[in-house]
Amino acid sequence: MSTIVTDEQIRDLAATAKPYSLAVLRWGPQRHLDGAEAIELEHQRRMVSLRADGVIAVLCPVASDTMAGVAVMNVPTEEAEDIMAADPCVRAGMIHCEIYPCHGFPGDTLPA
């Protein structure tokens, strides 16, 4: 850690914080059911569509046997819960999704 950050910088950044919802997706017991590949493809199509529509601000698949991915969603937690409850993999029991309220800083980006 080499950048010095002042108390004023912390306060200024905190003042810009905006509420988001964090979707944490974990693999469920039905991950390998018959037809799983087709269901997962529809899940991926839906997640990319939500990203294109601005509902998902950051989409991060995770390479893990237990964790499927995380998404920062630009909607209130109740709406995020409804959106993810309709996900094909969630409905099939392939993925379990938990939604958490969180805060982030508008304009943050992933490096190219």
PDB file of N, CA and C in Angstrom:
ATOM      1  N   MET A   1       0.863  -1.173   0.000  1.00  0.00           N
ATOM      2  CA  MET A   1       0.000   0.000   0.000  1.00  0.00           C
ATOM      3  C   MET A   1       0.903   1.228   0.000  1.00  0.00           C
ATOM      4  N   SER A   2       0.908   1.948  -1.114  1.00  0.00           N
ATOM      5  CA  SER A   2       1.802   3.094  -1.213  1.00  0.00           C
ATOM      6  C   SER A   2       1.070   4.427  -1.355  1.00  0.00           C
ATOM      7  N   THR A   3      -0.178   4.414  -1.779  1.00  0.00           N
ATOM      8  CA  THR A   3      -0.928   5.659  -1.935  1.00  0.00           C
ATOM      9  C   THR A   3      -1.432   6.124  -0.579  1.00  0.00           C
ATOM     10  N   ILE A   4      -1.126   7.355  -0.255  1.00  0.00           N
ATOM     11  CA  ILE A   4      -1.602   7.931   1.004  1.00  0.00           C
ATOM     12  C   ILE A   4      -2.988   8.518   0.761  1.00  0.00           C
ATOM     13  N   VAL A   5      -3.925   8.154   1.618  1.00  0.00           N
ATOM     14  CA  VAL A   5      -5.310   8.605   1.502  1.00  0.00           C
ATOM     15  C   VAL A   5      -5.664   9.384   2.758  1.00  0.00           C
ATOM     16  N   THR A   6      -6.180  10.583   2.572  1.00  0.00           N
ATOM     17  CA  THR A   6      -6.529  11.426   3.709  1.00  0.00           C
ATOM     18  C   THR A   6      -7.937  11.117   4.209  1.00  0.00           C
ATOM     19  N   ASP A   7      -8.224  11.547   5.419  1.00  0.00           N
ATOM     20  CA  ASP A   7      -9.572  11.397   5.968  1.00  0.00           C
ATOM     21  C   ASP A   7     -10.588  12.113   5.079  1.00  0.00           C
ATOM     22  N   GLU A   8     -10.219  13.280   4.570  1.00  0.00           N
ATOM     23  CA  GLU A   8     -11.123  14.040   3.703  1.00  0.00           C
ATOM     24  C   GLU A   8     -11.437  13.262   2.420  1.00  0.00           C
ATOM     25  N   GLN A   9     -10.444  12.602   1.838  1.00  0.00           N
ATOM     26  CA  GLN A   9     -10.677  11.802   0.636  1.00  0.00           C
ATOM     27  C   GLN A   9     -11.640  10.651   0.925  1.00  0.00           C
ATOM     28  N   ILE A  10     -11.493  10.039   2.085  1.00  0.00           N
ATOM     29  CA  ILE A  10     -12.392   8.947   2.471  1.00  0.00           C
ATOM     30  C   ILE A  10     -13.815   9.469   2.608  1.00  0.00           C
ATOM     31  N   ARG A  11     -13.979  10.605   3.290  1.00  0.00           N
ATOM     32  CA  ARG A  11     -15.315  11.192   3.463  1.00  0.00           C
ATOM     33  C   ARG A  11     -15.924  11.582   2.118  1.00  0.00           C
ATOM     34  N   ASP A  12     -15.110  12.178   1.244  1.00  0.00           N
ATOM     35  CA  ASP A  12     -15.609  12.592  -0.073  1.00  0.00           C
ATOM     36  C   ASP A  12     -16.065  11.384  -0.892  1.00  0.00           C
ATOM     37  N   LEU A  13     -15.292  10.311  -0.859  1.00  0.00           N
ATOM     38  CA  LEU A  13     -15.670   9.110  -1.597  1.00  0.00           C
ATOM     39  C   LEU A  13     -16.928   8.488  -0.999  1.00  0.00           C
ATOM     40  N   ALA A  14     -16.983   8.406   0.320  1.00  0.00           N
ATOM     41  CA  ALA A  14     -18.152   7.819   0.988  1.00  0.00           C
ATOM     42  C   ALA A  14     -19.427   8.578   0.624  1.00  0.00           C
ATOM     43  N   ALA A  15     -19.314   9.880   0.422  1.00  0.00           N
ATOM     44  CA  ALA A  15     -20.488  10.692   0.078  1.00  0.00           C
ATOM     45  C   ALA A  15     -21.038  10.338  -1.305  1.00  0.00           C
ATOM     46  N   THR A  16     -20.238   9.696  -2.146  1.00  0.00           N
ATOM     47  CA  THR A  16     -20.699   9.333  -3.490  1.00  0.00           C
ATOM     48  C   THR A  16     -21.274   7.917  -3.549  1.00  0.00           C
ATOM     49  N   ALA A  17     -21.215   7.185  -2.445  1.00  0.00           N
ATOM     50  CA  ALA A  17     -21.655   5.783  -2.441  1.00  0.00           C
ATOM     51  C   ALA A  17     -23.124   5.671  -2.839  1.00  0.00           C
ATOM     52  N   LYS A  18     -23.411   4.634  -3.588  1.00  0.00           N
ATOM     53  CA  LYS A  18     -24.766   4.372  -4.073  1.00  0.00           C
ATOM     54  C   LYS A  18     -25.147   2.947  -3.681  1.00  0.00           C
ATOM     55  N   PRO A  19     -26.415   2.713  -3.329  1.00  0.00           N
ATOM     56  CA  PRO A  19     -26.823   1.343  -2.985  1.00  0.00           C
ATOM     57  C   PRO A  19     -26.932   0.456  -4.226  1.00  0.00           C
ATOM     58  N   TYR A  20     -26.474  -0.757  -4.068  1.00  0.00           N
ATOM     59  CA  TYR A  20     -26.577  -1.800  -5.093  1.00  0.00           C
ATOM     60  C   TYR A  20     -27.020  -3.078  -4.398  1.00  0.00           C
ATOM     61  N   SER A  21     -27.195  -4.119  -5.169  1.00  0.00           N
ATOM     62  CA  SER A  21     -27.455  -5.452  -4.620  1.00  0.00           C
ATOM     63  C   SER A  21     -26.358  -6.375  -5.127  1.00  0.00           C
ATOM     64  N   LEU A  22     -25.853  -7.216  -4.242  1.00  0.00           N
ATOM     65  CA  LEU A  22     -24.824  -8.181  -4.605  1.00  0.00           C
ATOM     66  C   LEU A  22     -25.453  -9.562  -4.676  1.00  0.00           C
ATOM     67  N   ALA A  23     -25.398 -10.173  -5.849  1.00  0.00           N
ATOM     68  CA  ALA A  23     -25.896 -11.538  -6.029  1.00  0.00           C
ATOM     69  C   ALA A  23     -24.711 -12.490  -5.923  1.00  0.00           C
ATOM     70  N   VAL A  24     -24.795 -13.423  -4.987  1.00  0.00           N
ATOM     71  CA  VAL A  24     -23.764 -14.443  -4.805  1.00  0.00           C
ATOM     72  C   VAL A  24     -24.372 -15.766  -5.254  1.00  0.00           C
ATOM     73  N   LEU A  25     -23.794 -16.348  -6.294  1.00  0.00           N
ATOM     74  CA  LEU A  25     -24.337 -17.572  -6.891  1.00  0.00           C
ATOM     75  C   LEU A  25     -23.426 -18.751  -6.568  1.00  0.00           C
ATOM     76  N   ARG A  26     -24.001 -19.758  -5.924  1.00  0.00           N
ATOM     77  CA  ARG A  26     -23.263 -20.978  -5.583  1.00  0.00           C
ATOM     78  C   ARG A  26     -23.905 -22.157  -6.302  1.00  0.00           C
ATOM     79  N   TRP A  27     -23.066 -23.111  -6.693  1.00  0.00           N
ATOM     80  CA  TRP A  27     -23.589 -24.309  -7.348  1.00  0.00           C
ATOM     81  C   TRP A  27     -24.482 -25.077  -6.395  1.00  0.00           C
ATOM     82  N   GLY A  28     -25.593 -25.561  -6.902  1.00  0.00           N
ATOM     83  CA  GLY A  28     -26.559 -26.311  -6.107  1.00  0.00           C
ATOM     84  C   GLY A  28     -26.467 -27.803  -6.370  1.00  0.00           C
ATOM     85  N   PRO A  29     -27.315 -28.560  -5.708  1.00  0.00           N
ATOM     86  CA  PRO A  29     -27.257 -30.022  -5.786  1.00  0.00           C
ATOM     87  C   PRO A  29     -27.611 -30.585  -7.163  1.00  0.00           C
ATOM     88  N   GLN A  30     -28.294 -29.819  -7.976  1.00  0.00           N
ATOM     89  CA  GLN A  30     -28.710 -30.307  -9.297  1.00  0.00           C
ATOM     90  C   GLN A  30     -27.795 -29.804 -10.420  1.00  0.00           C
ATOM     91  N   ARG A  31     -26.575 -29.417 -10.077  1.00  0.00           N
ATOM     92  CA  ARG A  31     -25.662 -28.825 -11.059  1.00  0.00           C
ATOM     93  C   ARG A  31     -25.491 -29.688 -12.310  1.00  0.00           C
ATOM     94  N   HIS A  32     -25.455 -31.006 -12.150  1.00  0.00           N
ATOM     95  CA  HIS A  32     -25.165 -31.897 -13.273  1.00  0.00           C
ATOM     96  C   HIS A  32     -26.389 -32.690 -13.732  1.00  0.00           C
ATOM     97  N   LEU A  33     -27.582 -32.148 -13.540  1.00  0.00           N
ATOM     98  CA  LEU A  33     -28.776 -32.883 -13.962  1.00  0.00           C
ATOM     99  C   LEU A  33     -28.827 -33.023 -15.479  1.00  0.00           C
ATOM    100  N   ASP A  34     -29.643 -33.942 -15.952  1.00  0.00           N
ATOM    101  CA  ASP A  34     -29.807 -34.117 -17.400  1.00  0.00           C
ATOM    102  C   ASP A  34     -30.284 -32.803 -18.014  1.00  0.00           C
ATOM    103  N   GLY A  35     -29.638 -32.388 -19.083  1.00  0.00           N
ATOM    104  CA  GLY A  35     -30.007 -31.140 -19.744  1.00  0.00           C
ATOM    105  C   GLY A  35     -29.349 -29.910 -19.141  1.00  0.00           C
ATOM    106  N   ALA A  36     -28.399 -30.098 -18.218  1.00  0.00           N
ATOM    107  CA  ALA A  36     -27.779 -28.976 -17.511  1.00  0.00           C
ATOM    108  C   ALA A  36     -27.090 -27.992 -18.457  1.00  0.00           C
ATOM    109  N   GLU A  37     -26.437 -28.497 -19.492  1.00  0.00           N
ATOM    110  CA  GLU A  37     -25.715 -27.595 -20.404  1.00  0.00           C
ATOM    111  C   GLU A  37     -26.666 -26.604 -21.071  1.00  0.00           C
ATOM    112  N   ALA A  38     -27.810 -27.070 -21.518  1.00  0.00           N
ATOM    113  CA  ALA A  38     -28.780 -26.183 -22.173  1.00  0.00           C
ATOM    114  C   ALA A  38     -29.351 -25.170 -21.180  1.00  0.00           C
ATOM    115  N   ILE A  39     -29.615 -25.624 -19.961  1.00  0.00           N
ATOM    116  CA  ILE A  39     -30.149 -24.714 -18.937  1.00  0.00           C
ATOM    117  C   ILE A  39     -29.106 -23.663 -18.586  1.00  0.00           C
ATOM    118  N   GLU A  40     -27.842 -24.084 -18.450  1.00  0.00           N
ATOM    119  CA  GLU A  40     -26.781 -23.133 -18.117  1.00  0.00           C
ATOM    120  C   GLU A  40     -26.576 -22.116 -19.237  1.00  0.00           C
ATOM    121  N   LEU A  41     -26.713 -22.538 -20.484  1.00  0.00           N
ATOM    122  CA  LEU A  41     -26.592 -21.605 -21.604  1.00  0.00           C
ATOM    123  C   LEU A  41     -27.694 -20.544 -21.537  1.00  0.00           C
ATOM    124  N   GLU A  42     -28.905 -20.936 -21.185  1.00  0.00           N
ATOM    125  CA  GLU A  42     -29.996 -19.963 -21.037  1.00  0.00           C
ATOM    126  C   GLU A  42     -29.733 -19.026 -19.855  1.00  0.00           C
ATOM    127  N   HIS A  43     -29.164 -19.560 -18.773  1.00  0.00           N
ATOM    128  CA  HIS A  43     -28.761 -18.733 -17.626  1.00  0.00           C
ATOM    129  C   HIS A  43     -27.746 -17.685 -18.090  1.00  0.00           C
ATOM    130  N   GLN A  44     -26.733 -18.119 -18.829  1.00  0.00           N
ATOM    131  CA  GLN A  44     -25.699 -17.200 -19.305  1.00  0.00           C
ATOM    132  C   GLN A  44     -26.296 -16.143 -20.230  1.00  0.00           C
ATOM    133  N   ARG A  45     -27.169 -16.554 -21.128  1.00  0.00           N
ATOM    134  CA  ARG A  45     -27.823 -15.613 -22.048  1.00  0.00           C
ATOM    135  C   ARG A  45     -28.606 -14.557 -21.252  1.00  0.00           C
ATOM    136  N   ARG A  46     -29.316 -15.009 -20.233  1.00  0.00           N
ATOM    137  CA  ARG A  46     -30.127 -14.103 -19.412  1.00  0.00           C
ATOM    138  C   ARG A  46     -29.241 -13.123 -18.638  1.00  0.00           C
ATOM    139  N   MET A  47     -28.152 -13.633 -18.049  1.00  0.00           N
ATOM    140  CA  MET A  47     -27.254 -12.768 -17.275  1.00  0.00           C
ATOM    141  C   MET A  47     -26.600 -11.719 -18.180  1.00  0.00           C
ATOM    142  N   VAL A  48     -26.174 -12.118 -19.372  1.00  0.00           N
ATOM    143  CA  VAL A  48     -25.562 -11.169 -20.304  1.00  0.00           C
ATOM    144  C   VAL A  48     -26.601 -10.147 -20.773  1.00  0.00           C
ATOM    145  N   SER A  49     -27.840 -10.572 -20.958  1.00  0.00           N
ATOM    146  CA  SER A  49     -28.914  -9.655 -21.333  1.00  0.00           C
ATOM    147  C   SER A  49     -29.176  -8.645 -20.213  1.00  0.00           C
ATOM    148  N   LEU A  50     -29.204  -9.118 -18.967  1.00  0.00           N
ATOM    149  CA  LEU A  50     -29.392  -8.213 -17.827  1.00  0.00           C
ATOM    150  C   LEU A  50     -28.242  -7.217 -17.734  1.00  0.00           C
ATOM    151  N   ARG A  51     -27.048  -7.665 -18.056  1.00  0.00           N
ATOM    152  CA  ARG A  51     -25.883  -6.772 -18.080  1.00  0.00           C
ATOM    153  C   ARG A  51     -26.058  -5.726 -19.177  1.00  0.00           C
ATOM    154  N   ALA A  52     -26.458  -6.151 -20.367  1.00  0.00           N
ATOM    155  CA  ALA A  52     -26.656  -5.229 -21.490  1.00  0.00           C
ATOM    156  C   ALA A  52     -27.750  -4.208 -21.190  1.00  0.00           C
ATOM    157  N   ASP A  53     -28.757  -4.619 -20.414  1.00  0.00           N
ATOM    158  CA  ASP A  53     -29.865  -3.730 -20.044  1.00  0.00           C
ATOM    159  C   ASP A  53     -29.519  -2.803 -18.880  1.00  0.00           C
ATOM    160  N   GLY A  54     -28.335  -2.967 -18.268  1.00  0.00           N
ATOM    161  CA  GLY A  54     -27.926  -2.130 -17.148  1.00  0.00           C
ATOM    162  C   GLY A  54     -28.418  -2.609 -15.802  1.00  0.00           C
ATOM    163  N   VAL A  55     -29.116  -3.733 -15.749  1.00  0.00           N
ATOM    164  CA  VAL A  55     -29.585  -4.289 -14.473  1.00  0.00           C
ATOM    165  C   VAL A  55     -28.398  -4.854 -13.693  1.00  0.00           C
ATOM    166  N   ILE A  56     -27.480  -5.496 -14.407  1.00  0.00           N
ATOM    167  CA  ILE A  56     -26.240  -5.976 -13.799  1.00  0.00           C
ATOM    168  C   ILE A  56     -25.135  -5.014 -14.203  1.00  0.00           C
ATOM    169  N   ALA A  57     -24.470  -4.414 -13.197  1.00  0.00           N
ATOM    170  CA  ALA A  57     -23.387  -3.471 -13.457  1.00  0.00           C
ATOM    171  C   ALA A  57     -22.059  -4.191 -13.652  1.00  0.00           C
ATOM    172  N   VAL A  58     -21.836  -5.235 -12.867  1.00  0.00           N
ATOM    173  CA  VAL A  58     -20.599  -6.018 -12.946  1.00  0.00           C
ATOM    174  C   VAL A  58     -20.981  -7.487 -12.869  1.00  0.00           C
ATOM    175  N   LEU A  59     -20.514  -8.263 -13.824  1.00  0.00           N
ATOM    176  CA  LEU A  59     -20.812  -9.694 -13.898  1.00  0.00           C
ATOM    177  C   LEU A  59     -19.497 -10.455 -13.820  1.00  0.00           C
ATOM    178  N   CYS A  60     -19.363 -11.331 -12.821  1.00  0.00           N
ATOM    179  CA  CYS A  60     -18.104 -12.054 -12.601  1.00  0.00           C
ATOM    180  C   CYS A  60     -18.350 -13.540 -12.403  1.00  0.00           C
ATOM    181  N   PRO A  61     -18.266 -14.337 -13.461  1.00  0.00           N
ATOM    182  CA  PRO A  61     -18.289 -15.784 -13.271  1.00  0.00           C
ATOM    183  C   PRO A  61     -17.060 -16.196 -12.449  1.00  0.00           C
ATOM    184  N   VAL A  62     -17.192 -17.244 -11.663  1.00  0.00           N
ATOM    185  CA  VAL A  62     -16.101 -17.713 -10.809  1.00  0.00           C
ATOM    186  C   VAL A  62     -15.749 -19.142 -11.203  1.00  0.00           C
ATOM    187  N   ALA A  63     -14.466 -19.405 -11.372  1.00  0.00           N
ATOM    188  CA  ALA A  63     -13.989 -20.752 -11.705  1.00  0.00           C
ATOM    189  C   ALA A  63     -13.806 -21.525 -10.399  1.00  0.00           C
ATOM    190  N   SER A  64     -14.842 -22.256 -10.003  1.00  0.00           N
ATOM    191  CA  SER A  64     -14.833 -22.952  -8.718  1.00  0.00           C
ATOM    192  C   SER A  64     -15.822 -24.103  -8.771  1.00  0.00           C
ATOM    193  N   ASP A  65     -15.574 -25.109  -7.965  1.00  0.00           N
ATOM    194  CA  ASP A  65     -16.523 -26.215  -7.857  1.00  0.00           C
ATOM    195  C   ASP A  65     -17.702 -25.874  -6.956  1.00  0.00           C
ATOM    196  N   THR A  66     -17.586 -24.787  -6.184  1.00  0.00           N
ATOM    197  CA  THR A  66     -18.654 -24.426  -5.255  1.00  0.00           C
ATOM    198  C   THR A  66     -19.318 -23.092  -5.593  1.00  0.00           C
ATOM    199  N   MET A  67     -18.544 -22.144  -6.077  1.00  0.00           N
ATOM    200  CA  MET A  67     -19.054 -20.807  -6.385  1.00  0.00           C
ATOM    201  C   MET A  67     -19.242 -20.670  -7.890  1.00  0.00           C
ATOM    202  N   ALA A  68     -20.426 -20.206  -8.304  1.00  0.00           N
ATOM    203  CA  ALA A  68     -20.706 -20.029  -9.731  1.00  0.00           C
ATOM    204  C   ALA A  68     -20.363 -18.618 -10.204  1.00  0.00           C
ATOM    205  N   GLY A  69     -20.572 -17.617  -9.337  1.00  0.00           N
ATOM    206  CA  GLY A  69     -20.264 -16.256  -9.735  1.00  0.00           C
ATOM    207  C   GLY A  69     -20.853 -15.234  -8.795  1.00  0.00           C
ATOM    208  N   VAL A  70     -20.572 -13.975  -9.090  1.00  0.00           N
ATOM    209  CA  VAL A  70     -21.149 -12.852  -8.360  1.00  0.00           C
ATOM    210  C   VAL A  70     -21.577 -11.800  -9.381  1.00  0.00           C
ATOM    211  N   ALA A  71     -22.549 -11.014  -9.000  1.00  0.00           N
ATOM    212  CA  ALA A  71     -23.007  -9.923  -9.861  1.00  0.00           C
ATOM    213  C   ALA A  71     -23.393  -8.743  -8.983  1.00  0.00           C
ATOM    214  N   VAL A  72     -22.935  -7.565  -9.364  1.00  0.00           N
ATOM    215  CA  VAL A  72     -23.385  -6.334  -8.723  1.00  0.00           C
ATOM    216  C   VAL A  72     -24.571  -5.855  -9.542  1.00  0.00           C
ATOM    217  N   MET A  73     -25.720  -5.770  -8.875  1.00  0.00           N
ATOM    218  CA  MET A  73     -26.963  -5.436  -9.574  1.00  0.00           C
ATOM    219  C   MET A  73     -27.406  -4.017  -9.239  1.00  0.00           C
ATOM    220  N   ASN A  74     -27.855  -3.306 -10.240  1.00  0.00           N
ATOM    221  CA  ASN A  74     -28.233  -1.907 -10.135  1.00  0.00           C
ATOM    222  C   ASN A  74     -29.725  -1.750  -9.834  1.00  0.00           C
ATOM    223  N   VAL A  75     -30.222  -2.603  -8.933  1.00  0.00           N
ATOM    224  CA  VAL A  75     -31.635  -2.585  -8.535  1.00  0.00           C
ATOM    225  C   VAL A  75     -31.718  -2.847  -7.034  1.00  0.00           C
ATOM    226  N   PRO A  76     -32.832  -2.476  -6.389  1.00  0.00           N
ATOM    227  CA  PRO A  76     -33.010  -2.780  -4.965  1.00  0.00           C
ATOM    228  C   PRO A  76     -33.003  -4.293  -4.708  1.00  0.00           C
ATOM    229  N   THR A  77     -32.701  -4.676  -3.474  1.00  0.00           N
ATOM    230  CA  THR A  77     -32.562  -6.100  -3.144  1.00  0.00           C
ATOM    231  C   THR A  77     -33.826  -6.897  -3.444  1.00  0.00           C
ATOM    232  N   GLU A  78     -35.000  -6.340  -3.177  1.00  0.00           N
ATOM    233  CA  GLU A  78     -36.239  -7.078  -3.428  1.00  0.00           C
ATOM    234  C   GLU A  78     -36.391  -7.390  -4.916  1.00  0.00           C
ATOM    235  N   GLU A  79     -36.072  -6.418  -5.752  1.00  0.00           N
ATOM    236  CA  GLU A  79     -36.156  -6.629  -7.195  1.00  0.00           C
ATOM    237  C   GLU A  79     -35.095  -7.625  -7.656  1.00  0.00           C
ATOM    238  N   ALA A  80     -33.898  -7.522  -7.090  1.00  0.00           N
ATOM    239  CA  ALA A  80     -32.827  -8.469  -7.431  1.00  0.00           C
ATOM    240  C   ALA A  80     -33.235  -9.892  -7.063  1.00  0.00           C
ATOM    241  N   GLU A  81     -33.876 -10.056  -5.908  1.00  0.00           N
ATOM    242  CA  GLU A  81     -34.347 -11.387  -5.496  1.00  0.00           C
ATOM    243  C   GLU A  81     -35.358 -11.940  -6.498  1.00  0.00           C
ATOM    244  N   ASP A  82     -36.288 -11.098  -6.936  1.00  0.00           N
ATOM    245  CA  ASP A  82     -37.294 -11.537  -7.914  1.00  0.00           C
ATOM    246  C   ASP A  82     -36.647 -11.902  -9.251  1.00  0.00           C
ATOM    247  N   ILE A  83     -35.714 -11.076  -9.688  1.00  0.00           N
ATOM    248  CA  ILE A  83     -35.028 -11.331 -10.959  1.00  0.00           C
ATOM    249  C   ILE A  83     -34.282 -12.657 -10.902  1.00  0.00           C
ATOM    250  N   MET A  84     -33.544 -12.873  -9.832  1.00  0.00           N
ATOM    251  CA  MET A  84     -32.730 -14.086  -9.749  1.00  0.00           C
ATOM    252  C   MET A  84     -33.575 -15.322  -9.471  1.00  0.00           C
ATOM    253  N   ALA A  85     -34.721 -15.167  -8.822  1.00  0.00           N
ATOM    254  CA  ALA A  85     -35.611 -16.317  -8.590  1.00  0.00           C
ATOM    255  C   ALA A  85     -36.132 -16.872  -9.913  1.00  0.00           C
ATOM    256  N   ALA A  86     -36.191 -16.032 -10.943  1.00  0.00           N
ATOM    257  CA  ALA A  86     -36.676 -16.461 -12.257  1.00  0.00           C
ATOM    258  C   ALA A  86     -35.561 -17.020 -13.147  1.00  0.00           C
ATOM    259  N   ASP A  87     -34.336 -17.038 -12.654  1.00  0.00           N
ATOM    260  CA  ASP A  87     -33.202 -17.542 -13.437  1.00  0.00           C
ATOM    261  C   ASP A  87     -33.365 -19.036 -13.715  1.00  0.00           C
ATOM    262  N   PRO A  88     -33.080 -19.484 -14.943  1.00  0.00           N
ATOM    263  CA  PRO A  88     -33.252 -20.904 -15.276  1.00  0.00           C
ATOM    264  C   PRO A  88     -32.455 -21.853 -14.382  1.00  0.00           C
ATOM    265  N   CYS A  89     -31.215 -21.513 -14.072  1.00  0.00           N
ATOM    266  CA  CYS A  89     -30.401 -22.394 -13.215  1.00  0.00           C
ATOM    267  C   CYS A  89     -30.900 -22.396 -11.773  1.00  0.00           C
ATOM    268  N   VAL A  90     -31.385 -21.262 -11.299  1.00  0.00           N
ATOM    269  CA  VAL A  90     -31.940 -21.200  -9.941  1.00  0.00           C
ATOM    270  C   VAL A  90     -33.212 -22.037  -9.880  1.00  0.00           C
ATOM    271  N   ARG A  91     -34.090 -21.873 -10.863  1.00  0.00           N
ATOM    272  CA  ARG A  91     -35.345 -22.638 -10.884  1.00  0.00           C
ATOM    273  C   ARG A  91     -35.088 -24.141 -10.967  1.00  0.00           C
ATOM    274  N   ALA A  92     -34.015 -24.546 -11.651  1.00  0.00           N
ATOM    275  CA  ALA A  92     -33.704 -25.969 -11.811  1.00  0.00           C
ATOM    276  C   ALA A  92     -32.937 -26.548 -10.624  1.00  0.00           C
ATOM    277  N   GLY A  93     -32.565 -25.701  -9.651  1.00  0.00           N
ATOM    278  CA  GLY A  93     -31.790 -26.182  -8.505  1.00  0.00           C
ATOM    279  C   GLY A  93     -30.312 -26.353  -8.805  1.00  0.00           C
ATOM    280  N   MET A  94     -29.871 -25.853  -9.956  1.00  0.00           N
ATOM    281  CA  MET A  94     -28.458 -25.948 -10.319  1.00  0.00           C
ATOM    282  C   MET A  94     -27.623 -24.892  -9.605  1.00  0.00           C
ATOM    283  N   ILE A  95     -28.239 -23.757  -9.330  1.00  0.00           N
ATOM    284  CA  ILE A  95     -27.563 -22.645  -8.657  1.00  0.00           C
ATOM    285  C   ILE A  95     -28.445 -22.164  -7.515  1.00  0.00           C
ATOM    286  N   HIS A  96     -27.801 -21.843  -6.397  1.00  0.00           N
ATOM    287  CA  HIS A  96     -28.468 -21.196  -5.263  1.00  0.00           C
ATOM    288  C   HIS A  96     -27.973 -19.755  -5.247  1.00  0.00           C
ATOM    289  N   CYS A  97     -28.885 -18.801  -5.132  1.00  0.00           N
ATOM    290  CA  CYS A  97     -28.522 -17.386  -5.173  1.00  0.00           C
ATOM    291  C   CYS A  97     -28.916 -16.697  -3.877  1.00  0.00           C
ATOM    292  N   GLU A  98     -27.973 -15.957  -3.313  1.00  0.00           N
ATOM    293  CA  GLU A  98     -28.239 -15.108  -2.149  1.00  0.00           C
ATOM    294  C   GLU A  98     -28.019 -13.662  -2.577  1.00  0.00           C
ATOM    295  N   ILE A  99     -28.898 -12.779  -2.132  1.00  0.00           N
ATOM    296  CA  ILE A  99     -28.810 -11.359  -2.463  1.00  0.00           C
ATOM    297  C   ILE A  99     -28.493 -10.579  -1.189  1.00  0.00           C
ATOM    298  N   TYR A 100     -27.518  -9.687  -1.284  1.00  0.00           N
ATOM    299  CA  TYR A 100     -27.116  -8.850  -0.157  1.00  0.00           C
ATOM    300  C   TYR A 100     -27.157  -7.385  -0.570  1.00  0.00           C
ATOM    301  N   PRO A 101     -27.631  -6.503   0.316  1.00  0.00           N
ATOM    302  CA  PRO A 101     -27.515  -5.078   0.018  1.00  0.00           C
ATOM    303  C   PRO A 101     -26.048  -4.672   0.160  1.00  0.00           C
ATOM    304  N   CYS A 102     -25.600  -3.803  -0.717  1.00  0.00           N
ATOM    305  CA  CYS A 102     -24.222  -3.321  -0.630  1.00  0.00           C
ATOM    306  C   CYS A 102     -24.168  -1.891  -1.157  1.00  0.00           C
ATOM    307  N   HIS A 103     -23.023  -1.279  -1.027  1.00  0.00           N
ATOM    308  CA  HIS A 103     -22.805   0.062  -1.563  1.00  0.00           C
ATOM    309  C   HIS A 103     -21.559   0.032  -2.436  1.00  0.00           C
ATOM    310  N   GLY A 104     -21.569   0.858  -3.459  1.00  0.00           N
ATOM    311  CA  GLY A 104     -20.419   0.973  -4.346  1.00  0.00           C
ATOM    312  C   GLY A 104     -20.275   2.414  -4.785  1.00  0.00           C
ATOM    313  N   PHE A 105     -19.271   2.641  -5.588  1.00  0.00           N
ATOM    314  CA  PHE A 105     -18.954   3.988  -6.019  1.00  0.00           C
ATOM    315  C   PHE A 105     -19.161   4.100  -7.523  1.00  0.00           C
ATOM    316  N   PRO A 106     -20.177   4.860  -7.956  1.00  0.00           N
ATOM    317  CA  PRO A 106     -20.450   4.997  -9.385  1.00  0.00           C
ATOM    318  C   PRO A 106     -19.187   5.417 -10.136  1.00  0.00           C
ATOM    319  N   GLY A 107     -18.985   4.766 -11.266  1.00  0.00           N
ATOM    320  CA  GLY A 107     -17.811   5.054 -12.076  1.00  0.00           C
ATOM    321  C   GLY A 107     -16.675   4.074 -11.867  1.00  0.00           C
ATOM    322  N   ASP A 108     -16.716   3.282 -10.781  1.00  0.00           N
ATOM    323  CA  ASP A 108     -15.695   2.250 -10.614  1.00  0.00           C
ATOM    324  C   ASP A 108     -15.771   1.303 -11.805  1.00  0.00           C
ATOM    325  N   THR A 109     -14.637   0.851 -12.268  1.00  0.00           N
ATOM    326  CA  THR A 109     -14.597  -0.052 -13.412  1.00  0.00           C
ATOM    327  C   THR A 109     -13.565  -1.142 -13.188  1.00  0.00           C
ATOM    328  N   LEU A 110     -13.686  -2.199 -13.961  1.00  0.00           N
ATOM    329  CA  LEU A 110     -12.665  -3.233 -13.982  1.00  0.00           C
ATOM    330  C   LEU A 110     -11.600  -2.805 -14.985  1.00  0.00           C
ATOM    331  N   PRO A 111     -10.325  -3.072 -14.701  1.00  0.00           N
ATOM    332  CA  PRO A 111      -9.296  -2.704 -15.676  1.00  0.00           C
ATOM    333  C   PRO A 111      -9.464  -3.485 -16.977  1.00  0.00           C
ATOM    334  N   ALA A 112      -9.128  -2.835 -18.073  1.00  0.00           N
ATOM    335  CA  ALA A 112      -9.225  -3.486 -19.391  1.00  0.00           C
ATOM    336  C   ALA A 112      -8.131  -4.527 -19.559  1.00  0.00           C
TER     337      ALA A 112
END
